[in-house]
Amino acid sequence: MAPRLNFSDWWGKDKQRGTPVIVKMENPNFSIVEIDGPDAAFKPIEKSRGKNAKQVTWVLLLKANQAVGCVAWLATILWSLIGTIKNRLILRKGVSLASEKLGKSNLLFRIIKVCLGVSLVMLAFEVIAYFKGWHYFQNPNLYIPHTSDVLGLFHIIYVAWLDFRADYIAPSVQKLSTFCTVLFLIQSLDRLVLCLGCFYIKCKKLKPRIEGDPFKSDDLEGSNNSYYPMVLVQIPMCNEKEVYEMSISAVCQLDWPKDRLLIQILDDSDNECIQELIKSEVAKWNQKGVNIIYRHRLVRTGYKAGNLKSAMSCDYVKDYEFVAIFDADFQPTPDFLKQTVPHFKDNPELGLVQTRWAFVNKDENLLTRLQNINLCFHFEVEQQVNGVFLNFFGFNGTAGIWRIKALEESGGWLERTTVEDMDIAVRAHLNGWKFIYLNDVRVLCEVPESFEAYRKQQHRWHSGPMQLFRVCLPAIVSSKISIWKKANLILLFFLLRKLILPFYSFTLFCVVLPLTMFIPEAELPFWVVCYIPILMTLLNILPAPKSIPFIAPYLLFENTMSVTKFNAMVSGLFQLGSSYEWVVTKKAGRSSESDLLAAAEKDLKAFGAPQISRGASESELSELNRLNKQKDETSTPVKKSNKIYGKELALAFLLLTASARSLLSAHGLHFYFLLFQGVTFLLVGLDLIGEQIS
């Protein structure tokens, strides 16, 4: 306890003034207080002296009421969870089984179900042995009974299992545990180095800067337009009904000479109604004098890469020097080009300028908050550190500007993987082009609000890099870049951060840890389960300090997502059918709502960025919302459907079974970790996280 600093004692130490007074109250319900000097009133008194029996009774009643309220709250949550399990798993009300196209073989799901069945049998054996008094598993040295100690047929089977477990299973599990722990430590060290690099950048205030006014003309009679390079802006989209209007509106308000700017709307929509809506929006801005064109492919091959490749093949593209790319839900500020294009001036080796994402719906639900933590760390730490020290990082696919010469010399957009952005970035790096990341320039966008959309997005983001690694490895080895750059690409960029990370997260916390509960001879160190994960989680959350209250949900949810990421990594590495599937991330259209956009613009004010003028689009959007509201009032509401995810549910019951087994071994920390992790898998498997989009 911190010492009390009684300054009144110091000031009145030399001399006491006044006459001591004793105040006595006739009412026995009040305590007697002696005032010895004028400063005595400021002296601390014992709390117990000011309380009588009636006050203590009320305090105890208040504490009891709070405890009962807490228990009732927990009971309500538990009862609601049981009801949800009953409705969704047993009665199947308003739910459907999630499509397993993400892994056509379903091999992982089958393995998990087999492990669950075996774990239930093992738990039954252990419970029976526990109540019979055979507490062999509580002995660290694992005493194996002799033949004379055998008490019956069941005991013979149990003793044989203990013998087989100690001699054959435990050594393999222990080796796997040690191997995963080593990988965990290596990846944690890499993350720590990245955080130290980010701290160094903050302390030294290192960031790309623009010297002087790059658009200032020395010739007063000349036109300033000659100092503005030709810029092409591309917005690839596919059935983006919810967000197309605001993205087109934002791009059309870019502060750049109209005769030096061309906007391409690359629409791959297969819905004719959406095509007409986008055409109408393009025509409206074209009438206002904006140089904007609409392109639609009849043959939709190659997904986004094919769309961009087709647009770059136009004859007029050769007249442009730079190309800015925005996804359909991105809304750049009017001064975006003036903040980014000048970095290319007098820097002929620069091929890419990447900016940061800002999320309008980061506080929409728990899922969006957890995504915000991940993406803040990615941009604030990973992209910034790699940009400053290596001049290389993975292109994020949007909110960036490319030098068209760099794209052409690197082979242009290729359709061989589902991560065309990372593909072109790696090839440009191998050709010697440098990248710059601007952490202060932010572009509004949104993150997926439903777990189904987020799960599909993460599958694509983690299977694509493994596809790319297979096809790019020969080119990396034979390239002319330095040895240490090759090592960074192969060992850090691909192996450590794209392959090892999902492998150990799933294997260590979803496989090895439950196994050690049933095989106590193989131990997982306490610090691997507790200290290191908490430290790494704190490092991840530091770039988003407002998310610190979500540290526990974030840690548990990241372990839950390791199933999807591991499955995606394996499918990409071994080129399974699911690795070539491209599913457009479902947008909620939050960035099209005026209230959320206004809230996001308040955040941008802190960075000195000008606000977006919503112009004519807002009035039309308000009218559309009014008509939709009238339609909803007169029509039957569409019921939103929930999904059931088999892998997550199977792992939930596996971890809960392991937590029950840990009670028999009195593993306190392991029990709580497995319990909460199992509950998290259960919530995700029942689709109780995120917003359901009909």
Foldseek 3Di string as FASTA:
>chain_A
DDDDDPVVCVVCVPHFDDDWDWDDDPDVQAATDTDDGPCSVVDDDDPVRGDDPVRVVVVVVVVVVVVVVVVVVVVVVVVVLVVLCCCCVPVNPQAAADDPLLFVVCPLLVVLLVLLVVLVVLLVLVVVCVVVPVLQLLDLVRDQDDPVPQDDDSSVVVSVVSVCLVPPVQVVLQVVLVVLVVLLVVLLVVLVVLLVLLVVCVVVVDADDFPDQQQDDPDPPDDSLVSAFAEEEEEEDEPPQLQQLQQVQQVQLAPHPQVRYAYEYQYAYPDVVSVVVNVVSQVVSVVVVHRYDYDYDPDCPLPPLVSVVVVCPDPCVVRGFKYAYAYRFKHFFNHLCVVFVSSCPPPVQAFKEAEAEDELCCPVFPVSVLVVLQRLCCQSGVVQSCCVPPLADFHPRHRMMGGVVLCVVLPHFDSQFLRSRRLSRVSSVLVRHGYHYDHLGYIYGHDFQFPVLVLQVLLQVQLRLLLSCVVCVVVLVPGPDDPVVSCCVPPPVRPSPRPSVLVSLQCNQLPSLLVCLSSVNNDNDPCSLPVSLLVSLVSSRVSPVVCVVCSVVSSLVVSLSSVSNNSSNVCNNVVNPSRSDDDPRDDPSPCVDPVSLVVSVVVSVVSVGDHRDSPPSNVVVVVVVVVVVVVPVVDPDDRFGHHAHSSLLSSLSSLQSSLVSVVSNVPVVSNVSSNVSSVSSVCVRSRVGGDGDD
